[in-house]
Amino acid sequence: MSEDKCLLCDADLQGEPIPKKSRDKGYYGDKTHFSRRIGISDPRLDRIVEWLCPDCGGRWNRGDTE
């Protein structure tokens, strides 16, 4: 499952490019662009459990894209 597309409306969730100077410092691993996906966390679990699409407002379980 691609993390660059919304599972519900198929919107492109690839964000702006990460500045090269930040990529060179290793802050983002091998990523080249930010993501537009919004993480919904569960404070009891202390982790992201769902994703939110900024275009359609749809939510899906984090496990659906891993």
Protein backbone atom coordinates (compact mmCIF):
# COMPACT_ATOMS: atom_id res chain seq x y z
CA MET A 1 0.00 0.00 0.00
CA SER A 2 1.44 3.36 -0.96
CA GLU A 3 1.76 5.97 1.73
CA ASP A 4 1.63 8.68 -0.93
CA LYS A 5 -2.09 8.18 -1.71
CA CYS A 6 -5.22 8.47 0.41
CA LEU A 7 -6.93 5.10 0.74
CA LEU A 8 -10.34 6.75 0.47
CA CYS A 9 -10.15 9.56 -2.11
CA ASP A 10 -6.84 8.66 -3.82
CA ALA A 11 -5.46 12.19 -3.16
CA ASP A 12 -1.72 12.65 -3.54
CA LEU A 13 -0.29 12.91 -0.02
CA GLN A 14 3.28 13.70 -1.04
CA GLY A 15 4.20 17.07 0.40
CA GLU A 16 6.84 19.65 -0.39
CA PRO A 17 10.45 18.61 -0.97
CA ILE A 18 12.63 18.35 2.12
CA PRO A 19 15.45 20.92 1.84
CA LYS A 20 18.68 19.29 0.74
CA LYS A 21 20.65 20.65 3.70
CA SER A 22 18.25 18.87 6.08
CA ARG A 23 18.39 15.63 4.07
CA ASP A 24 22.19 15.80 4.09
CA LYS A 25 22.20 15.88 7.90
CA GLY A 26 20.33 12.56 7.95
CA TYR A 27 17.26 13.85 9.77
CA TYR A 28 14.83 12.23 7.33
CA GLY A 29 16.55 9.00 6.36
CA ASP A 30 16.15 8.36 2.64
CA LYS A 31 12.96 10.47 2.31
CA THR A 32 12.98 13.32 -0.22
CA HIS A 33 9.54 14.86 0.47
CA PHE A 34 7.42 15.68 3.48
CA SER A 35 4.11 13.83 3.87
CA ARG A 36 0.68 15.47 3.98
CA ARG A 37 -0.77 12.57 6.02
CA ILE A 38 -1.80 13.63 9.51
CA GLY A 39 -1.08 11.16 12.29
CA ILE A 40 -3.78 10.55 14.91
CA SER A 41 -2.20 9.32 18.13
CA ASP A 42 -3.54 7.38 21.08
CA PRO A 43 -1.99 8.83 24.25
CA ARG A 44 -2.47 5.55 26.13
CA LEU A 45 -0.44 3.68 23.53
CA ASP A 46 1.91 6.61 22.90
CA ARG A 47 1.92 6.06 19.15
CA ILE A 48 0.10 6.93 15.93
CA VAL A 49 -2.86 4.60 15.40
CA GLU A 50 -4.66 6.25 12.46
CA TRP A 51 -3.95 8.50 9.49
CA LEU A 52 -6.10 11.46 8.41
CA CYS A 53 -6.35 12.76 4.85
CA PRO A 54 -6.20 16.57 4.76
CA ASP A 55 -8.31 16.64 1.57
CA CYS A 56 -11.32 14.42 2.29
CA GLY A 57 -11.05 14.11 6.08
CA GLY A 58 -11.06 10.33 5.79
CA ARG A 59 -9.33 8.26 8.45
CA TRP A 60 -7.82 4.80 8.21
CA ASN A 61 -5.91 2.52 10.55
CA ARG A 62 -2.14 2.89 10.53
CA GLY A 63 -1.75 -0.85 10.04
CA ASP A 64 -3.51 -0.63 6.66
CA THR A 65 -0.43 1.01 5.14
CA GLU A 66 2.35 -1.01 6.74
